[in-house]
Amino acid sequence: PQTNRIAVAAPKDRRPSSALNVLLCQNGTSGPAPSQWPAKQPSRRATGTHGLPVFLQSNAIRLGQPHVLEALLAAGVRGVLASYHSADAAVSDALTLAPGTHARTEAGIRAALQAGLTVDLNAVVERRTLPGLAARSEHIVAAFQPHAREKAQLTVGFAYPTDYFDSAVYRAHVAPLDDVAAPLAQAVAILRAADIPVGP
């Protein structure tokens, strides 16, 4: 999908119009997790050997396999942007079109944190995820934060979709920004209360 990361106003900004201050930034296009493509493996190894840190965008489902995680660490991978759209497996399956992978994604996230990787959990904000945004934040605090070695290791982001591969699905589920503000503000407040960094 094509998405924009959402930047939220700093807590000190109390203007009524800035209760959330939704900004669209970091326009990008994402696709299948790089770890699904064997052709990507040599380039990651080559980059690692030159001493450059590597950051992987992934659904994290293979990070729970020790041999995969060890190979990525050896290749120079230092962090992962993981798609984690919902704490509800059914909602997650509907968005990822990968039924049954939710538990493996969660296991991969925990393994990555335990291995010392930085982990940025990203969620697409649309009609199917809005009702569970607060529950997602609560689950992140309970299920993932305890595995982080330090504060900056676990961060959370939100993305607003600008298109999907299937435009009909996009039109059916894109949420007006006016509907996004309140649930997103609540989700962000839960994370900030737990001292988890939120941002683009």
C-alpha atoms as a PDB file:
ATOM      1  CA  PRO A   1       0.000   0.000   0.000  1.00  0.00           C
ATOM      2  CA  GLN A   2       0.951   3.629  -0.342  1.00  0.00           C
ATOM      3  CA  THR A   3       0.929   5.340   3.040  1.00  0.00           C
ATOM      4  CA  ASN A   4       1.969   8.492   4.865  1.00  0.00           C
ATOM      5  CA  ARG A   5       3.317   8.310   8.391  1.00  0.00           C
ATOM      6  CA  ILE A   6       1.297  10.404  10.830  1.00  0.00           C
ATOM      7  CA  ALA A   7       3.097  12.896  13.032  1.00  0.00           C
ATOM      8  CA  VAL A   8       1.292  13.896  16.215  1.00  0.00           C
ATOM      9  CA  ALA A   9       1.554  17.169  18.093  1.00  0.00           C
ATOM     10  CA  ALA A  10       3.824  17.380  21.105  1.00  0.00           C
ATOM     11  CA  PRO A  11       1.957  17.014  24.430  1.00  0.00           C
ATOM     12  CA  LYS A  12       2.704  20.639  25.334  1.00  0.00           C
ATOM     13  CA  ASP A  13       0.649  21.868  22.362  1.00  0.00           C
ATOM     14  CA  ARG A  14      -2.752  22.436  23.930  1.00  0.00           C
ATOM     15  CA  ARG A  15      -4.436  24.488  21.201  1.00  0.00           C
ATOM     16  CA  PRO A  16      -7.928  23.090  20.513  1.00  0.00           C
ATOM     17  CA  SER A  17      -7.101  22.709  16.836  1.00  0.00           C
ATOM     18  CA  SER A  18      -3.963  20.795  17.781  1.00  0.00           C
ATOM     19  CA  ALA A  19      -5.488  18.123  19.989  1.00  0.00           C
ATOM     20  CA  LEU A  20      -3.995  15.731  17.508  1.00  0.00           C
ATOM     21  CA  ASN A  21      -2.468  17.932  14.783  1.00  0.00           C
ATOM     22  CA  VAL A  22      -2.411  15.254  12.139  1.00  0.00           C
ATOM     23  CA  LEU A  23       0.402  15.817   9.665  1.00  0.00           C
ATOM     24  CA  LEU A  24       1.224  13.636   6.713  1.00  0.00           C
ATOM     25  CA  CYS A  25       4.893  13.008   6.187  1.00  0.00           C
ATOM     26  CA  GLN A  26       7.412  10.453   4.992  1.00  0.00           C
ATOM     27  CA  ASN A  27       5.474   9.510   1.875  1.00  0.00           C
ATOM     28  CA  GLY A  28       6.466   6.027   0.806  1.00  0.00           C
ATOM     29  CA  THR A  29       5.424   2.855  -0.915  1.00  0.00           C
ATOM     30  CA  SER A  30       5.729  -0.485   0.782  1.00  0.00           C
ATOM     31  CA  GLY A  31       5.265  -3.995  -0.480  1.00  0.00           C
ATOM     32  CA  PRO A  32       6.089  -7.583   0.513  1.00  0.00           C
ATOM     33  CA  ALA A  33       8.484  -7.958   3.406  1.00  0.00           C
ATOM     34  CA  PRO A  34      12.074  -7.946   2.102  1.00  0.00           C
ATOM     35  CA  SER A  35      12.768 -11.176   3.961  1.00  0.00           C
ATOM     36  CA  GLN A  36      10.419 -12.952   1.540  1.00  0.00           C
ATOM     37  CA  TRP A  37      12.714 -12.233  -1.386  1.00  0.00           C
ATOM     38  CA  PRO A  38      15.898 -14.370  -1.582  1.00  0.00           C
ATOM     39  CA  ALA A  39      17.475 -11.834  -3.961  1.00  0.00           C
ATOM     40  CA  LYS A  40      17.594  -9.347  -1.091  1.00  0.00           C
ATOM     41  CA  GLN A  41      19.762 -11.586   1.076  1.00  0.00           C
ATOM     42  CA  PRO A  42      23.151 -10.982  -0.632  1.00  0.00           C
ATOM     43  CA  SER A  43      22.714  -7.205  -0.631  1.00  0.00           C
ATOM     44  CA  ARG A  44      22.003  -7.248   3.114  1.00  0.00           C
ATOM     45  CA  ARG A  45      25.108  -9.337   3.717  1.00  0.00           C
ATOM     46  CA  ALA A  46      27.238  -7.058   1.549  1.00  0.00           C
ATOM     47  CA  THR A  47      25.988  -3.948   3.320  1.00  0.00           C
ATOM     48  CA  GLY A  48      26.672  -5.515   6.701  1.00  0.00           C
ATOM     49  CA  THR A  49      30.255  -6.316   5.787  1.00  0.00           C
ATOM     50  CA  HIS A  50      30.930  -2.649   5.070  1.00  0.00           C
ATOM     51  CA  GLY A  51      29.941  -1.755   8.607  1.00  0.00           C
ATOM     52  CA  LEU A  52      26.741   0.065   7.677  1.00  0.00           C
ATOM     53  CA  PRO A  53      23.658  -0.556   9.851  1.00  0.00           C
ATOM     54  CA  VAL A  54      20.698  -2.123   8.083  1.00  0.00           C
ATOM     55  CA  PHE A  55      17.050  -1.531   8.925  1.00  0.00           C
ATOM     56  CA  LEU A  56      14.500  -4.016   7.659  1.00  0.00           C
ATOM     57  CA  GLN A  57      10.839  -3.476   6.811  1.00  0.00           C
ATOM     58  CA  SER A  58       9.014  -6.686   7.589  1.00  0.00           C
ATOM     59  CA  ASN A  59       5.885  -8.390   8.859  1.00  0.00           C
ATOM     60  CA  ALA A  60       8.231  -9.990  11.433  1.00  0.00           C
ATOM     61  CA  ILE A  61       6.791 -13.490  11.004  1.00  0.00           C
ATOM     62  CA  ARG A  62      10.226 -15.041  10.386  1.00  0.00           C
ATOM     63  CA  LEU A  63      12.032 -13.133  13.122  1.00  0.00           C
ATOM     64  CA  GLY A  64      10.781 -15.685  15.620  1.00  0.00           C
ATOM     65  CA  GLN A  65      12.962 -18.323  13.958  1.00  0.00           C
ATOM     66  CA  PRO A  66      16.356 -18.232  15.720  1.00  0.00           C
ATOM     67  CA  HIS A  67      18.401 -19.109  12.640  1.00  0.00           C
ATOM     68  CA  VAL A  68      16.765 -16.319  10.610  1.00  0.00           C
ATOM     69  CA  LEU A  69      17.247 -13.735  13.339  1.00  0.00           C
ATOM     70  CA  GLU A  70      20.860 -14.775  13.891  1.00  0.00           C
ATOM     71  CA  ALA A  71      21.580 -14.492  10.156  1.00  0.00           C
ATOM     72  CA  LEU A  72      20.061 -11.014  10.001  1.00  0.00           C
ATOM     73  CA  LEU A  73      22.060  -9.843  13.008  1.00  0.00           C
ATOM     74  CA  ALA A  74      25.228 -11.203  11.436  1.00  0.00           C
ATOM     75  CA  ALA A  75      24.360  -9.355   8.212  1.00  0.00           C
ATOM     76  CA  GLY A  76      24.275  -6.025  10.044  1.00  0.00           C
ATOM     77  CA  VAL A  77      20.549  -5.630  10.641  1.00  0.00           C
ATOM     78  CA  ARG A  78      20.058  -3.304  13.600  1.00  0.00           C
ATOM     79  CA  GLY A  79      16.366  -2.523  13.486  1.00  0.00           C
ATOM     80  CA  VAL A  80      13.017  -3.441  11.998  1.00  0.00           C
ATOM     81  CA  LEU A  81       9.924  -1.524  10.962  1.00  0.00           C
ATOM     82  CA  ALA A  82       7.250  -4.112  11.658  1.00  0.00           C
ATOM     83  CA  SER A  83       3.695  -3.992  10.375  1.00  0.00           C
ATOM     84  CA  TYR A  84       1.477  -4.437  13.425  1.00  0.00           C
ATOM     85  CA  HIS A  85      -1.948  -3.134  12.518  1.00  0.00           C
ATOM     86  CA  SER A  86      -4.078  -4.548  15.306  1.00  0.00           C
ATOM     87  CA  ALA A  87      -3.988  -6.600  18.476  1.00  0.00           C
ATOM     88  CA  ASP A  88      -7.022  -8.433  17.094  1.00  0.00           C
ATOM     89  CA  ALA A  89      -5.885 -11.355  14.951  1.00  0.00           C
ATOM     90  CA  ALA A  90      -8.989 -11.249  12.742  1.00  0.00           C
ATOM     91  CA  VAL A  91      -8.517  -7.569  11.936  1.00  0.00           C
ATOM     92  CA  SER A  92      -4.817  -8.122  11.309  1.00  0.00           C
ATOM     93  CA  ASP A  93      -5.559 -11.026   8.948  1.00  0.00           C
ATOM     94  CA  ALA A  94      -8.041  -8.889   7.013  1.00  0.00           C
ATOM     95  CA  LEU A  95      -5.447  -6.181   6.436  1.00  0.00           C
ATOM     96  CA  THR A  96      -2.412  -8.340   5.739  1.00  0.00           C
ATOM     97  CA  LEU A  97      -4.250 -10.975   3.677  1.00  0.00           C
ATOM     98  CA  ALA A  98      -2.051 -13.478   5.467  1.00  0.00           C
ATOM     99  CA  PRO A  99      -4.421 -15.549   7.646  1.00  0.00           C
ATOM    100  CA  GLY A 100      -2.954 -17.152  10.723  1.00  0.00           C
ATOM    101  CA  THR A 101       0.224 -15.078  10.858  1.00  0.00           C
ATOM    102  CA  HIS A 102      -0.704 -12.736  13.712  1.00  0.00           C
ATOM    103  CA  ALA A 103       0.768 -14.939  16.447  1.00  0.00           C
ATOM    104  CA  ARG A 104       3.966 -15.389  14.433  1.00  0.00           C
ATOM    105  CA  THR A 105       4.254 -11.630  13.961  1.00  0.00           C
ATOM    106  CA  GLU A 106       3.950 -11.111  17.717  1.00  0.00           C
ATOM    107  CA  ALA A 107       6.552 -13.811  18.380  1.00  0.00           C
ATOM    108  CA  GLY A 108       8.889 -12.147  15.885  1.00  0.00           C
ATOM    109  CA  ILE A 109       8.473  -8.762  17.528  1.00  0.00           C
ATOM    110  CA  ARG A 110       9.307 -10.185  20.950  1.00  0.00           C
ATOM    111  CA  ALA A 111      12.324 -12.041  19.569  1.00  0.00           C
ATOM    112  CA  ALA A 112      13.623  -8.929  17.817  1.00  0.00           C
ATOM    113  CA  LEU A 113      13.365  -6.884  21.016  1.00  0.00           C
ATOM    114  CA  GLN A 114      15.035  -9.607  23.065  1.00  0.00           C
ATOM    115  CA  ALA A 115      17.864  -9.700  20.527  1.00  0.00           C
ATOM    116  CA  GLY A 116      18.442  -5.971  20.979  1.00  0.00           C
ATOM    117  CA  LEU A 117      17.054  -4.768  17.654  1.00  0.00           C
ATOM    118  CA  THR A 118      15.229  -1.466  17.542  1.00  0.00           C
ATOM    119  CA  VAL A 119      11.596  -2.113  16.669  1.00  0.00           C
ATOM    120  CA  ASP A 120       9.164   0.421  15.214  1.00  0.00           C
ATOM    121  CA  LEU A 121       5.607  -0.914  15.197  1.00  0.00           C
ATOM    122  CA  ASN A 122       3.565   0.581  12.393  1.00  0.00           C
ATOM    123  CA  ALA A 123      -0.202   0.489  11.925  1.00  0.00           C
ATOM    124  CA  VAL A 124      -2.309   1.580   8.994  1.00  0.00           C
ATOM    125  CA  VAL A 125      -5.106   3.778  10.315  1.00  0.00           C
ATOM    126  CA  GLU A 126      -8.372   3.081   8.489  1.00  0.00           C
ATOM    127  CA  ARG A 127     -11.950   2.076   9.236  1.00  0.00           C
ATOM    128  CA  ARG A 128     -11.099  -1.492  10.282  1.00  0.00           C
ATOM    129  CA  THR A 129      -8.320  -0.503  12.686  1.00  0.00           C
ATOM    130  CA  LEU A 130      -9.853   2.627  14.235  1.00  0.00           C
ATOM    131  CA  PRO A 131     -12.054   0.860  16.820  1.00  0.00           C
ATOM    132  CA  GLY A 132      -9.078  -1.125  18.137  1.00  0.00           C
ATOM    133  CA  LEU A 133      -6.349   1.524  18.174  1.00  0.00           C
ATOM    134  CA  ALA A 134      -6.525   2.004  21.940  1.00  0.00           C
ATOM    135  CA  ALA A 135      -6.535  -1.758  22.553  1.00  0.00           C
ATOM    136  CA  ARG A 136      -3.507  -2.070  20.256  1.00  0.00           C
ATOM    137  CA  SER A 137      -1.640   0.489  22.347  1.00  0.00           C
ATOM    138  CA  GLU A 138      -2.576  -1.269  25.586  1.00  0.00           C
ATOM    139  CA  HIS A 139      -1.410  -4.594  24.123  1.00  0.00           C
ATOM    140  CA  ILE A 140       1.898  -3.086  22.996  1.00  0.00           C
ATOM    141  CA  VAL A 141       2.513  -1.825  26.526  1.00  0.00           C
ATOM    142  CA  ALA A 142       1.649  -5.177  28.100  1.00  0.00           C
ATOM    143  CA  ALA A 143       3.053  -7.633  25.555  1.00  0.00           C
ATOM    144  CA  PHE A 144       6.078  -5.939  23.984  1.00  0.00           C
ATOM    145  CA  GLN A 145       7.430  -3.165  26.198  1.00  0.00           C
ATOM    146  CA  PRO A 146       8.676  -5.612  28.874  1.00  0.00           C
ATOM    147  CA  HIS A 147      10.979  -7.180  26.257  1.00  0.00           C
ATOM    148  CA  ALA A 148      12.673  -3.894  25.330  1.00  0.00           C
ATOM    149  CA  ARG A 149      16.094  -3.392  26.894  1.00  0.00           C
ATOM    150  CA  GLU A 150      15.887   0.406  26.828  1.00  0.00           C
ATOM    151  CA  LYS A 151      13.320   3.118  26.136  1.00  0.00           C
ATOM    152  CA  ALA A 152      14.416   4.067  22.628  1.00  0.00           C
ATOM    153  CA  GLN A 153      14.423   0.451  21.464  1.00  0.00           C
ATOM    154  CA  LEU A 154      10.632   0.270  21.013  1.00  0.00           C
ATOM    155  CA  THR A 155       8.777   2.984  19.105  1.00  0.00           C
ATOM    156  CA  VAL A 156       5.317   3.150  17.599  1.00  0.00           C
ATOM    157  CA  GLY A 157       4.043   4.815  14.449  1.00  0.00           C
ATOM    158  CA  PHE A 158       0.814   5.222  12.560  1.00  0.00           C
ATOM    159  CA  ALA A 159       0.311   5.472   8.802  1.00  0.00           C
ATOM    160  CA  TYR A 160      -2.584   6.980   6.871  1.00  0.00           C
ATOM    161  CA  PRO A 161      -3.192   5.160   3.573  1.00  0.00           C
ATOM    162  CA  THR A 162      -3.317   7.094   0.312  1.00  0.00           C
ATOM    163  CA  ASP A 163      -3.985   4.068  -1.892  1.00  0.00           C
ATOM    164  CA  TYR A 164      -4.100   0.264  -1.860  1.00  0.00           C
ATOM    165  CA  PHE A 165      -3.267  -2.256  -4.556  1.00  0.00           C
ATOM    166  CA  ASP A 166      -7.026  -2.840  -4.751  1.00  0.00           C
ATOM    167  CA  SER A 167      -8.517   0.632  -5.085  1.00  0.00           C
ATOM    168  CA  ALA A 168     -12.011  -0.663  -4.308  1.00  0.00           C
ATOM    169  CA  VAL A 169     -10.807  -1.920  -0.915  1.00  0.00           C
ATOM    170  CA  TYR A 170      -9.138   1.440  -0.303  1.00  0.00           C
ATOM    171  CA  ARG A 171     -12.315   3.373  -1.078  1.00  0.00           C
ATOM    172  CA  ALA A 172     -14.329   1.086   1.182  1.00  0.00           C
ATOM    173  CA  HIS A 173     -12.053   1.453   4.193  1.00  0.00           C
ATOM    174  CA  VAL A 174     -10.282   4.827   4.058  1.00  0.00           C
ATOM    175  CA  ALA A 175     -11.368   6.896   7.053  1.00  0.00           C
ATOM    176  CA  PRO A 176     -11.892  10.675   6.994  1.00  0.00           C
ATOM    177  CA  LEU A 177      -9.260  12.453   9.064  1.00  0.00           C
ATOM    178  CA  ASP A 178     -12.027  13.939  11.231  1.00  0.00           C
ATOM    179  CA  ASP A 179     -12.936  10.376  12.281  1.00  0.00           C
ATOM    180  CA  VAL A 180      -9.296   9.465  12.898  1.00  0.00           C
ATOM    181  CA  ALA A 181      -8.480  12.238  15.375  1.00  0.00           C
ATOM    182  CA  ALA A 182     -10.198  11.039  18.564  1.00  0.00           C
ATOM    183  CA  PRO A 183      -9.284   7.311  18.449  1.00  0.00           C
ATOM    184  CA  LEU A 184      -5.732   8.108  17.417  1.00  0.00           C
ATOM    185  CA  ALA A 185      -5.324  10.675  20.185  1.00  0.00           C
ATOM    186  CA  GLN A 186      -6.489   8.080  22.727  1.00  0.00           C
ATOM    187  CA  ALA A 187      -4.075   5.470  21.366  1.00  0.00           C
ATOM    188  CA  VAL A 188      -1.186   7.922  21.459  1.00  0.00           C
ATOM    189  CA  ALA A 189      -2.019   8.984  25.018  1.00  0.00           C
ATOM    190  CA  ILE A 190      -1.806   5.369  26.228  1.00  0.00           C
ATOM    191  CA  LEU A 191       1.626   4.931  24.658  1.00  0.00           C
ATOM    192  CA  ARG A 192       2.956   8.214  25.981  1.00  0.00           C
ATOM    193  CA  ALA A 193       1.715   7.402  29.481  1.00  0.00           C
ATOM    194  CA  ALA A 194       3.848   4.251  29.271  1.00  0.00           C
ATOM    195  CA  ASP A 195       6.810   6.326  28.038  1.00  0.00           C
ATOM    196  CA  ILE A 196       6.866   4.678  24.607  1.00  0.00           C
ATOM    197  CA  PRO A 197       8.029   7.111  21.903  1.00  0.00           C
ATOM    198  CA  VAL A 198       5.446   7.843  19.206  1.00  0.00           C
ATOM    199  CA  GLY A 199       6.144   9.499  15.922  1.00  0.00           C
ATOM    200  CA  PRO A 200       7.015   9.259  12.266  1.00  0.00           C
END
